[in-house]
C-alpha atoms as a PDB file:
ATOM      1  CA  LEU A   1     -45.748  11.505 -11.759  1.00  0.00           C
ATOM      2  CA  THR A   2     -42.824  10.875 -14.130  1.00  0.00           C
ATOM      3  CA  VAL A   3     -40.717  13.561 -12.453  1.00  0.00           C
ATOM      4  CA  MET A   4     -41.485  12.077  -9.055  1.00  0.00           C
ATOM      5  CA  ASN A   5     -40.357   8.630 -10.246  1.00  0.00           C
ATOM      6  CA  MET A   6     -37.137  10.133 -11.601  1.00  0.00           C
ATOM      7  CA  LEU A   7     -36.471  11.871  -8.274  1.00  0.00           C
ATOM      8  CA  ILE A   8     -37.066   8.637  -6.365  1.00  0.00           C
ATOM      9  CA  GLY A   9     -34.614   6.879  -8.705  1.00  0.00           C
ATOM     10  CA  VAL A  10     -31.973   9.570  -8.144  1.00  0.00           C
ATOM     11  CA  ILE A  11     -32.454   9.428  -4.377  1.00  0.00           C
ATOM     12  CA  CYS A  12     -32.117   5.631  -4.424  1.00  0.00           C
ATOM     13  CA  GLU A  13     -28.860   5.896  -6.396  1.00  0.00           C
ATOM     14  CA  VAL A  14     -27.463   8.492  -3.985  1.00  0.00           C
ATOM     15  CA  VAL A  15     -28.402   6.406  -0.940  1.00  0.00           C
ATOM     16  CA  SER A  16     -26.867   3.330  -2.542  1.00  0.00           C
ATOM     17  CA  ALA A  17     -23.606   5.168  -3.312  1.00  0.00           C
ATOM     18  CA  VAL A  18     -23.390   6.616   0.212  1.00  0.00           C
ATOM     19  CA  ALA A  19     -24.038   3.191   1.733  1.00  0.00           C
ATOM     20  CA  ALA A  20     -21.276   1.613  -0.369  1.00  0.00           C
ATOM     21  CA  THR A  21     -18.848   4.374   0.609  1.00  0.00           C
ATOM     22  CA  GLU A  22     -19.692   3.988   4.290  1.00  0.00           C
ATOM     23  CA  ARG A  23     -19.325   0.205   4.090  1.00  0.00           C
ATOM     24  CA  GLU A  24     -15.905   0.626   2.477  1.00  0.00           C
ATOM     25  CA  SER A  25     -14.867   3.178   5.095  1.00  0.00           C
ATOM     26  CA  LEU A  26     -15.911   0.925   7.981  1.00  0.00           C
ATOM     27  CA  SER A  27     -14.146  -2.041   6.424  1.00  0.00           C
ATOM     28  CA  LEU A  28     -10.900  -0.114   5.967  1.00  0.00           C
ATOM     29  CA  GLY A  29     -11.088   1.259   9.508  1.00  0.00           C
ATOM     30  CA  TYR A  30     -11.531  -2.258  10.822  1.00  0.00           C
ATOM     31  CA  VAL A  31      -8.552  -3.530   8.820  1.00  0.00           C
ATOM     32  CA  ARG A  32      -6.327  -0.681  10.042  1.00  0.00           C
ATOM     33  CA  GLU A  33      -7.293  -1.351  13.642  1.00  0.00           C
ATOM     34  CA  LYS A  34      -6.796  -5.127  13.370  1.00  0.00           C
ATOM     35  CA  MET A  35      -3.448  -4.770  11.577  1.00  0.00           C
ATOM     36  CA  LYS A  36      -2.212  -2.410  14.295  1.00  0.00           C
ATOM     37  CA  GLN A  37      -3.328  -4.911  16.954  1.00  0.00           C
ATOM     38  CA  LEU A  38      -1.616  -7.752  15.066  1.00  0.00           C
ATOM     39  CA  MET A  39       1.613  -5.816  14.797  1.00  0.00           C
ATOM     40  CA  GLU A  40       1.607  -4.964  18.490  1.00  0.00           C
ATOM     41  CA  GLY A  41       0.319  -8.344  19.669  1.00  0.00           C
ATOM     42  CA  THR A  42       2.611 -10.578  17.627  1.00  0.00           C
ATOM     43  CA  GLY A  43       5.778  -8.599  18.322  1.00  0.00           C
ATOM     44  CA  VAL A  44       6.472  -8.126  14.614  1.00  0.00           C
ATOM     45  CA  ASP A  45       8.014  -4.692  15.301  1.00  0.00           C
ATOM     46  CA  GLU A  46      11.219  -6.299  16.546  1.00  0.00           C
ATOM     47  CA  ASP A  47      13.150  -3.098  17.143  1.00  0.00           C
ATOM     48  CA  LYS A  48      10.140  -1.279  18.673  1.00  0.00           C
ATOM     49  CA  ASP A  49      10.740   1.834  16.566  1.00  0.00           C
ATOM     50  CA  GLY A  50       7.197   2.050  15.178  1.00  0.00           C
ATOM     51  CA  MET A  51       8.526   1.634  11.645  1.00  0.00           C
ATOM     52  CA  ILE A  52       7.938  -1.386   9.417  1.00  0.00           C
ATOM     53  CA  SER A  53      10.925  -2.881   7.626  1.00  0.00           C
ATOM     54  CA  LYS A  54      10.800  -5.413   4.817  1.00  0.00           C
ATOM     55  CA  ALA A  55      11.763  -8.241   7.207  1.00  0.00           C
ATOM     56  CA  GLU A  56       9.034  -7.204   9.672  1.00  0.00           C
ATOM     57  CA  PHE A  57       6.520  -6.990   6.837  1.00  0.00           C
ATOM     58  CA  LEU A  58       7.368 -10.465   5.551  1.00  0.00           C
ATOM     59  CA  SER A  59       7.182 -11.802   9.096  1.00  0.00           C
ATOM     60  CA  LEU A  60       3.716 -10.266   9.489  1.00  0.00           C
ATOM     61  CA  ILE A  61       2.353 -11.586   6.183  1.00  0.00           C
ATOM     62  CA  SER A  62       3.959 -15.011   5.922  1.00  0.00           C
ATOM     63  CA  GLY A  63       4.765 -17.832   8.249  1.00  0.00           C
ATOM     64  CA  ASP A  64       2.457 -18.854  11.061  1.00  0.00           C
ATOM     65  CA  ASN A  65       0.507 -15.597  11.057  1.00  0.00           C
ATOM     66  CA  ILE A  66      -2.336 -16.417   8.653  1.00  0.00           C
ATOM     67  CA  GLU A  67      -4.666 -13.937  10.378  1.00  0.00           C
ATOM     68  CA  ALA A  68      -2.937 -10.949   8.726  1.00  0.00           C
ATOM     69  CA  ALA A  69      -3.072 -12.549   5.280  1.00  0.00           C
ATOM     70  CA  LYS A  70      -6.751 -13.456   5.729  1.00  0.00           C
ATOM     71  CA  LEU A  71      -7.554  -9.942   6.917  1.00  0.00           C
ATOM     72  CA  LEU A  72      -5.933  -8.403   3.841  1.00  0.00           C
ATOM     73  CA  GLU A  73      -7.620 -10.865   1.496  1.00  0.00           C
ATOM     74  CA  ASP A  74     -10.983  -9.928   3.019  1.00  0.00           C
ATOM     75  CA  VAL A  75     -10.568  -6.338   1.755  1.00  0.00           C
ATOM     76  CA  GLY A  76      -9.396  -7.435  -1.694  1.00  0.00           C
ATOM     77  CA  VAL A  77      -5.601  -7.258  -1.313  1.00  0.00           C
ATOM     78  CA  ASP A  78      -3.707  -9.875  -3.311  1.00  0.00           C
ATOM     79  CA  VAL A  79      -1.362 -11.076  -0.561  1.00  0.00           C
ATOM     80  CA  ALA A  80       0.830 -13.144  -2.900  1.00  0.00           C
ATOM     81  CA  GLY A  81       1.215 -10.129  -5.171  1.00  0.00           C
ATOM     82  CA  LEU A  82       1.944  -7.939  -2.169  1.00  0.00           C
ATOM     83  CA  VAL A  83       4.762 -10.251  -1.089  1.00  0.00           C
ATOM     84  CA  ASP A  84       6.113 -10.206  -4.661  1.00  0.00           C
ATOM     85  CA  PHE A  85       6.160  -6.388  -4.555  1.00  0.00           C
ATOM     86  CA  ALA A  86       7.945  -6.235  -1.181  1.00  0.00           C
ATOM     87  CA  ASP A  87      11.246  -5.368  -2.867  1.00  0.00           C
ATOM     88  CA  THR A  88       9.607  -2.462  -4.666  1.00  0.00           C
ATOM     89  CA  ILE A  89       7.634  -1.273  -1.647  1.00  0.00           C
ATOM     90  CA  PHE A  90      10.707  -1.164   0.570  1.00  0.00           C
ATOM     91  CA  ALA A  91      13.192  -0.057  -2.110  1.00  0.00           C
ATOM     92  CA  LYS A  92      15.193   2.934  -1.010  1.00  0.00           C
ATOM     93  CA  ASP A  93      13.636   6.100  -2.389  1.00  0.00           C
ATOM     94  CA  SER A  94      16.035   8.104  -4.553  1.00  0.00           C
ATOM     95  CA  THR A  95      15.019  11.224  -2.618  1.00  0.00           C
ATOM     96  CA  ASP A  96      16.371   9.774   0.644  1.00  0.00           C
ATOM     97  CA  ASP A  97      19.710  11.596   0.396  1.00  0.00           C
ATOM     98  CA  ASP A  98      20.391  11.524   4.130  1.00  0.00           C
ATOM     99  CA  GLU A  99      21.003   7.753   4.069  1.00  0.00           C
ATOM    100  CA  GLU A 100      22.572   7.485   0.624  1.00  0.00           C
ATOM    101  CA  GLY A 101      25.115   4.757   0.358  1.00  0.00           C
ATOM    102  CA  SER A 102      24.041   3.101   3.601  1.00  0.00           C
ATOM    103  CA  GLY A 103      22.535   0.167   1.720  1.00  0.00           C
ATOM    104  CA  GLU A 104      19.572   0.068   4.089  1.00  0.00           C
ATOM    105  CA  GLU A 105      16.084  -0.526   2.831  1.00  0.00           C
ATOM    106  CA  ARG A 106      13.332   1.987   3.303  1.00  0.00           C
ATOM    107  CA  GLN A 107      11.126   1.686   6.369  1.00  0.00           C
ATOM    108  CA  LEU A 108       7.509   2.817   6.532  1.00  0.00           C
ATOM    109  CA  ASN A 109       5.479   4.162   9.417  1.00  0.00           C
ATOM    110  CA  PHE A 110       2.142   2.472  10.010  1.00  0.00           C
ATOM    111  CA  GLY A 111       0.140   5.060   8.023  1.00  0.00           C
ATOM    112  CA  GLU A 112       2.419   4.781   4.990  1.00  0.00           C
ATOM    113  CA  PHE A 113       2.380   1.004   5.273  1.00  0.00           C
ATOM    114  CA  MET A 114      -1.418   0.826   5.293  1.00  0.00           C
ATOM    115  CA  GLU A 115      -1.656   3.278   2.394  1.00  0.00           C
ATOM    116  CA  VAL A 116       0.704   1.143   0.291  1.00  0.00           C
ATOM    117  CA  VAL A 117      -1.070  -2.078   1.251  1.00  0.00           C
ATOM    118  CA  LEU A 118      -4.543  -0.720   0.524  1.00  0.00           C
ATOM    119  CA  ASP A 119      -3.340   0.694  -2.799  1.00  0.00           C
ATOM    120  CA  MET A 120      -2.685  -2.924  -3.789  1.00  0.00           C
ATOM    121  CA  ARG A 121      -6.372  -3.876  -3.693  1.00  0.00           C
ATOM    122  CA  SER A 122      -7.659  -5.424  -6.888  1.00  0.00           C
ATOM    123  CA  THR A 123     -10.698  -3.132  -6.889  1.00  0.00           C
ATOM    124  CA  ASN A 124      -8.510  -0.048  -7.365  1.00  0.00           C
ATOM    125  CA  THR A 125      -8.198   1.278 -10.881  1.00  0.00           C
ATOM    126  CA  ALA A 126      -5.179   3.089 -12.285  1.00  0.00           C
ATOM    127  CA  THR A 127      -5.380   6.865 -12.095  1.00  0.00           C
ATOM    128  CA  VAL A 128      -3.444   9.668 -13.743  1.00  0.00           C
ATOM    129  CA  LYS A 129      -1.485   9.984 -10.488  1.00  0.00           C
ATOM    130  CA  ASP A 130      -0.415   6.332 -10.767  1.00  0.00           C
ATOM    131  CA  VAL A 131       0.779   6.844 -14.331  1.00  0.00           C
ATOM    132  CA  VAL A 132       2.704   9.992 -13.340  1.00  0.00           C
ATOM    133  CA  GLU A 133       4.347   8.139 -10.436  1.00  0.00           C
ATOM    134  CA  LEU A 134       5.264   5.265 -12.755  1.00  0.00           C
ATOM    135  CA  ARG A 135       6.747   7.702 -15.264  1.00  0.00           C
ATOM    136  CA  LYS A 136       8.782   9.369 -12.503  1.00  0.00           C
ATOM    137  CA  PHE A 137      10.015   5.992 -11.229  1.00  0.00           C
ATOM    138  CA  VAL A 138      11.054   4.810 -14.705  1.00  0.00           C
ATOM    139  CA  LYS A 139      12.834   8.101 -15.420  1.00  0.00           C
ATOM    140  CA  GLU A 140      14.761   7.898 -12.131  1.00  0.00           C
ATOM    141  CA  ARG A 141      15.798   4.313 -12.866  1.00  0.00           C
ATOM    142  CA  PHE A 142      16.944   5.189 -16.389  1.00  0.00           C
ATOM    143  CA  ASP A 143      18.869   8.193 -15.054  1.00  0.00           C
ATOM    144  CA  SER A 144      20.532   5.946 -12.471  1.00  0.00           C
ATOM    145  CA  ILE A 145      21.493   3.356 -15.091  1.00  0.00           C
ATOM    146  CA  GLU A 146      22.751   6.058 -17.438  1.00  0.00           C
ATOM    147  CA  LYS A 147      24.893   7.525 -14.654  1.00  0.00           C
ATOM    148  CA  ARG A 148      26.388   4.094 -13.891  1.00  0.00           C
ATOM    149  CA  PHE A 149      27.285   3.564 -17.544  1.00  0.00           C
ATOM    150  CA  SER A 150      28.818   7.012 -17.885  1.00  0.00           C
ATOM    151  CA  ASP A 151      30.845   6.485 -14.683  1.00  0.00           C
ATOM    152  CA  LYS A 152      32.172   3.128 -15.950  1.00  0.00           C
ATOM    153  CA  GLY A 153      33.082   4.662 -19.298  1.00  0.00           C
ATOM    154  CA  ARG A 154      35.491   7.107 -17.674  1.00  0.00           C
END
């Protein structure tokens, strides 16, 4: 009888975890679909290249289009924080050598954009991958600053 109760408890936990995962998956799928519709319907992609620039992103999130902000808030994204991080999100990646010196900001395709946006949810916890990426970013910035100082010293 005790073993049977333990098995029922385990099964209930598994069903609960699967249900939560499925709910999350459906919610994210809905947000992706609605964001794609908003981008196409509102004409935010001004140059029709399928890529999202910082200006297009800010146009989508701010201004008269409160539907996008509400949609992101519904899945736990801090929209104000997301807007604050726009400079970082669209900062030119140091590995983009083909456009070096052009001064243009990075553009994201829709998949990359949604990945970045959904990574900004408050329910996400920091992982080892996040710490490694932060370490890499800080090292690249320090290397860049060091190079600027050494170039000015010459």
